[in-house]
Amino acid sequence: MGITTRELLDTSSANLRTLAAFLAEQLDEGVAGADLTVEVRACHEVLRSLRALIPKIEAVTRAPARLPRPNRAQNW
């Protein structure tokens, strides 16, 4: 892997923020005023999903690293 998992999460978060900002801008610039077609509703749903996902990704990157739990089935 060329980058660390931390860098991957940070890059993904930044890219998702860019996509969310683009969608929000486009929806504010007239698409929102148009008839709510299936595609427009889908864009709004994607934007809501991104706004829910981004904080979760960022919370993971801020959380302290934890050691994995041992598999209890293998400890007998």
N, C-alpha and C. Protein backbone atom coordinates (compact mmCIF):
# COMPACT_ATOMS: atom_id res chain seq x y z
N MET A 1 0.86 -1.16 0.00
CA MET A 1 0.00 0.00 0.00
C MET A 1 0.90 1.23 0.00
N GLY A 2 0.59 2.19 -0.87
CA GLY A 2 1.42 3.37 -1.02
C GLY A 2 1.25 4.39 0.09
N ILE A 3 0.11 4.41 0.75
CA ILE A 3 -0.11 5.38 1.83
C ILE A 3 -0.60 4.63 3.07
N THR A 4 -0.50 5.29 4.19
CA THR A 4 -0.96 4.66 5.43
C THR A 4 -2.49 4.67 5.47
N THR A 5 -3.04 3.87 6.32
CA THR A 5 -4.50 3.85 6.46
C THR A 5 -5.01 5.18 6.98
N ARG A 6 -4.23 5.84 7.82
CA ARG A 6 -4.61 7.16 8.34
C ARG A 6 -4.69 8.17 7.19
N GLU A 7 -3.68 8.15 6.31
CA GLU A 7 -3.69 9.04 5.15
C GLU A 7 -4.86 8.72 4.22
N LEU A 8 -5.17 7.45 4.09
CA LEU A 8 -6.30 7.04 3.26
C LEU A 8 -7.61 7.58 3.81
N LEU A 9 -7.79 7.47 5.11
CA LEU A 9 -9.00 8.01 5.74
C LEU A 9 -9.07 9.52 5.62
N ASP A 10 -7.95 10.20 5.85
CA ASP A 10 -7.93 11.65 5.74
C ASP A 10 -8.23 12.10 4.31
N THR A 11 -7.62 11.43 3.33
CA THR A 11 -7.87 11.78 1.93
C THR A 11 -9.31 11.50 1.54
N SER A 12 -9.83 10.38 2.00
CA SER A 12 -11.22 10.04 1.69
C SER A 12 -12.18 11.06 2.29
N SER A 13 -11.92 11.46 3.51
CA SER A 13 -12.75 12.46 4.17
C SER A 13 -12.72 13.77 3.40
N ALA A 14 -11.53 14.20 2.99
CA ALA A 14 -11.40 15.45 2.23
C ALA A 14 -12.13 15.35 0.89
N ASN A 15 -11.99 14.22 0.21
CA ASN A 15 -12.67 14.04 -1.07
C ASN A 15 -14.19 14.03 -0.90
N LEU A 16 -14.68 13.40 0.15
CA LEU A 16 -16.12 13.37 0.40
C LEU A 16 -16.64 14.75 0.75
N ARG A 17 -15.85 15.54 1.49
CA ARG A 17 -16.23 16.92 1.79
C ARG A 17 -16.33 17.75 0.51
N THR A 18 -15.39 17.53 -0.41
CA THR A 18 -15.43 18.23 -1.69
C THR A 18 -16.67 17.85 -2.47
N LEU A 19 -16.98 16.58 -2.52
CA LEU A 19 -18.17 16.11 -3.22
C LEU A 19 -19.44 16.67 -2.59
N ALA A 20 -19.49 16.67 -1.26
CA ALA A 20 -20.67 17.21 -0.57
C ALA A 20 -20.84 18.70 -0.86
N ALA A 21 -19.74 19.44 -0.86
CA ALA A 21 -19.81 20.87 -1.15
C ALA A 21 -20.28 21.10 -2.58
N PHE A 22 -19.77 20.30 -3.51
CA PHE A 22 -20.20 20.42 -4.91
C PHE A 22 -21.68 20.13 -5.06
N LEU A 23 -22.14 19.04 -4.46
CA LEU A 23 -23.56 18.69 -4.54
C LEU A 23 -24.43 19.79 -3.92
N ALA A 24 -24.03 20.28 -2.76
CA ALA A 24 -24.80 21.33 -2.10
C ALA A 24 -24.88 22.57 -2.97
N GLU A 25 -23.76 22.95 -3.57
CA GLU A 25 -23.73 24.13 -4.43
C GLU A 25 -24.64 23.94 -5.64
N GLN A 26 -24.55 22.79 -6.26
CA GLN A 26 -25.37 22.54 -7.45
C GLN A 26 -26.85 22.49 -7.11
N LEU A 27 -27.17 21.90 -5.98
CA LEU A 27 -28.57 21.81 -5.58
C LEU A 27 -29.12 23.18 -5.21
N ASP A 28 -28.27 24.05 -4.69
CA ASP A 28 -28.69 25.41 -4.33
C ASP A 28 -28.83 26.32 -5.55
N GLU A 29 -28.16 25.97 -6.65
CA GLU A 29 -28.13 26.83 -7.82
C GLU A 29 -29.24 26.54 -8.83
N GLY A 30 -30.36 26.09 -8.38
CA GLY A 30 -31.46 25.96 -9.32
C GLY A 30 -32.03 24.58 -9.41
N VAL A 31 -31.22 23.58 -9.18
CA VAL A 31 -31.76 22.22 -9.23
C VAL A 31 -32.81 22.06 -8.15
N ALA A 32 -32.55 22.67 -6.98
CA ALA A 32 -33.51 22.55 -5.88
C ALA A 32 -34.83 23.22 -6.23
N GLY A 33 -34.80 24.27 -7.07
CA GLY A 33 -36.02 24.96 -7.45
C GLY A 33 -36.78 24.25 -8.55
N ALA A 34 -36.12 23.33 -9.21
CA ALA A 34 -36.77 22.58 -10.29
C ALA A 34 -37.71 21.54 -9.71
N ASP A 35 -38.46 20.94 -10.59
CA ASP A 35 -39.30 19.83 -10.16
C ASP A 35 -38.42 18.76 -9.54
N LEU A 36 -38.89 18.17 -8.46
CA LEU A 36 -38.09 17.15 -7.79
C LEU A 36 -38.20 15.84 -8.55
N THR A 37 -37.32 15.69 -9.52
CA THR A 37 -37.27 14.45 -10.29
C THR A 37 -36.61 13.37 -9.44
N VAL A 38 -36.62 12.17 -9.94
CA VAL A 38 -35.96 11.06 -9.25
C VAL A 38 -34.48 11.38 -9.07
N GLU A 39 -33.87 11.97 -10.09
CA GLU A 39 -32.45 12.28 -10.02
C GLU A 39 -32.15 13.35 -8.97
N VAL A 40 -32.98 14.37 -8.88
CA VAL A 40 -32.78 15.42 -7.88
C VAL A 40 -32.95 14.86 -6.48
N ARG A 41 -33.97 14.04 -6.30
CA ARG A 41 -34.16 13.41 -4.99
C ARG A 41 -32.97 12.53 -4.65
N ALA A 42 -32.43 11.83 -5.64
CA ALA A 42 -31.25 10.99 -5.40
C ALA A 42 -30.05 11.84 -4.98
N CYS A 43 -29.88 13.00 -5.61
CA CYS A 43 -28.78 13.90 -5.23
C CYS A 43 -28.93 14.37 -3.79
N HIS A 44 -30.14 14.71 -3.40
CA HIS A 44 -30.39 15.13 -2.02
C HIS A 44 -30.10 13.99 -1.05
N GLU A 45 -30.46 12.78 -1.43
CA GLU A 45 -30.21 11.61 -0.57
C GLU A 45 -28.70 11.35 -0.44
N VAL A 46 -27.98 11.47 -1.55
CA VAL A 46 -26.53 11.30 -1.51
C VAL A 46 -25.91 12.35 -0.59
N LEU A 47 -26.36 13.58 -0.70
CA LEU A 47 -25.83 14.66 0.14
C LEU A 47 -26.11 14.37 1.62
N ARG A 48 -27.31 13.92 1.94
CA ARG A 48 -27.62 13.57 3.34
C ARG A 48 -26.72 12.44 3.82
N SER A 49 -26.51 11.46 2.98
CA SER A 49 -25.65 10.33 3.35
C SER A 49 -24.21 10.77 3.58
N LEU A 50 -23.71 11.63 2.70
CA LEU A 50 -22.35 12.14 2.87
C LEU A 50 -22.21 12.92 4.17
N ARG A 51 -23.21 13.74 4.46
CA ARG A 51 -23.16 14.54 5.69
C ARG A 51 -23.22 13.67 6.94
N ALA A 52 -23.77 12.48 6.83
CA ALA A 52 -23.78 11.55 7.96
C ALA A 52 -22.48 10.74 8.02
N LEU A 53 -21.92 10.43 6.87
CA LEU A 53 -20.72 9.59 6.80
C LEU A 53 -19.45 10.34 7.19
N ILE A 54 -19.31 11.56 6.75
CA ILE A 54 -18.07 12.31 6.97
C ILE A 54 -17.72 12.42 8.46
N PRO A 55 -18.66 12.79 9.34
CA PRO A 55 -18.29 12.85 10.77
C PRO A 55 -17.88 11.49 11.34
N LYS A 56 -18.46 10.42 10.82
CA LYS A 56 -18.08 9.09 11.30
C LYS A 56 -16.64 8.77 10.92
N ILE A 57 -16.27 9.08 9.70
CA ILE A 57 -14.88 8.85 9.27
C ILE A 57 -13.93 9.69 10.10
N GLU A 58 -14.29 10.94 10.31
CA GLU A 58 -13.41 11.83 11.08
C GLU A 58 -13.33 11.41 12.54
N ALA A 59 -14.39 10.85 13.08
CA ALA A 59 -14.36 10.36 14.47
C ALA A 59 -13.39 9.19 14.59
N VAL A 60 -13.35 8.35 13.59
CA VAL A 60 -12.43 7.21 13.61
C VAL A 60 -10.99 7.70 13.59
N THR A 61 -10.71 8.71 12.81
CA THR A 61 -9.33 9.19 12.72
C THR A 61 -8.90 9.93 13.98
N ARG A 62 -9.86 10.46 14.75
CA ARG A 62 -9.52 11.16 16.00
C ARG A 62 -9.48 10.21 17.19
N ALA A 63 -10.07 9.02 17.05
CA ALA A 63 -10.14 8.08 18.17
C ALA A 63 -8.75 7.52 18.46
N PRO A 64 -8.45 7.30 19.73
CA PRO A 64 -7.15 6.69 20.05
C PRO A 64 -7.09 5.26 19.51
N ALA A 65 -5.92 4.87 19.10
CA ALA A 65 -5.73 3.52 18.57
C ALA A 65 -5.97 2.50 19.67
N ARG A 66 -6.66 1.45 19.33
CA ARG A 66 -6.93 0.38 20.30
C ARG A 66 -6.38 -0.93 19.77
N LEU A 67 -5.93 -1.75 20.68
CA LEU A 67 -5.48 -3.07 20.28
C LEU A 67 -6.69 -3.93 19.96
N PRO A 68 -6.58 -4.80 18.97
CA PRO A 68 -7.72 -5.66 18.65
C PRO A 68 -7.99 -6.63 19.79
N ARG A 69 -9.25 -6.96 19.96
CA ARG A 69 -9.63 -7.94 20.98
C ARG A 69 -9.24 -9.33 20.53
N PRO A 70 -8.74 -10.14 21.44
CA PRO A 70 -8.41 -11.52 21.03
C PRO A 70 -9.69 -12.29 20.73
N ASN A 71 -9.57 -13.22 19.81
CA ASN A 71 -10.70 -14.06 19.45
C ASN A 71 -10.86 -15.10 20.54
N ARG A 72 -11.95 -15.02 21.29
CA ARG A 72 -12.15 -15.93 22.42
C ARG A 72 -12.26 -17.39 22.00
N ALA A 73 -12.71 -17.63 20.79
CA ALA A 73 -12.88 -19.01 20.33
C ALA A 73 -11.52 -19.71 20.20
N GLN A 74 -10.46 -18.96 19.99
CA GLN A 74 -9.15 -19.55 19.80
C GLN A 74 -8.37 -19.66 21.12
N ASN A 75 -8.93 -19.17 22.21
CA ASN A 75 -8.20 -19.16 23.48
C ASN A 75 -8.59 -20.32 24.39
N TRP A 76 -8.92 -21.45 23.89
CA TRP A 76 -9.30 -22.57 24.77
C TRP A 76 -8.24 -23.56 24.83
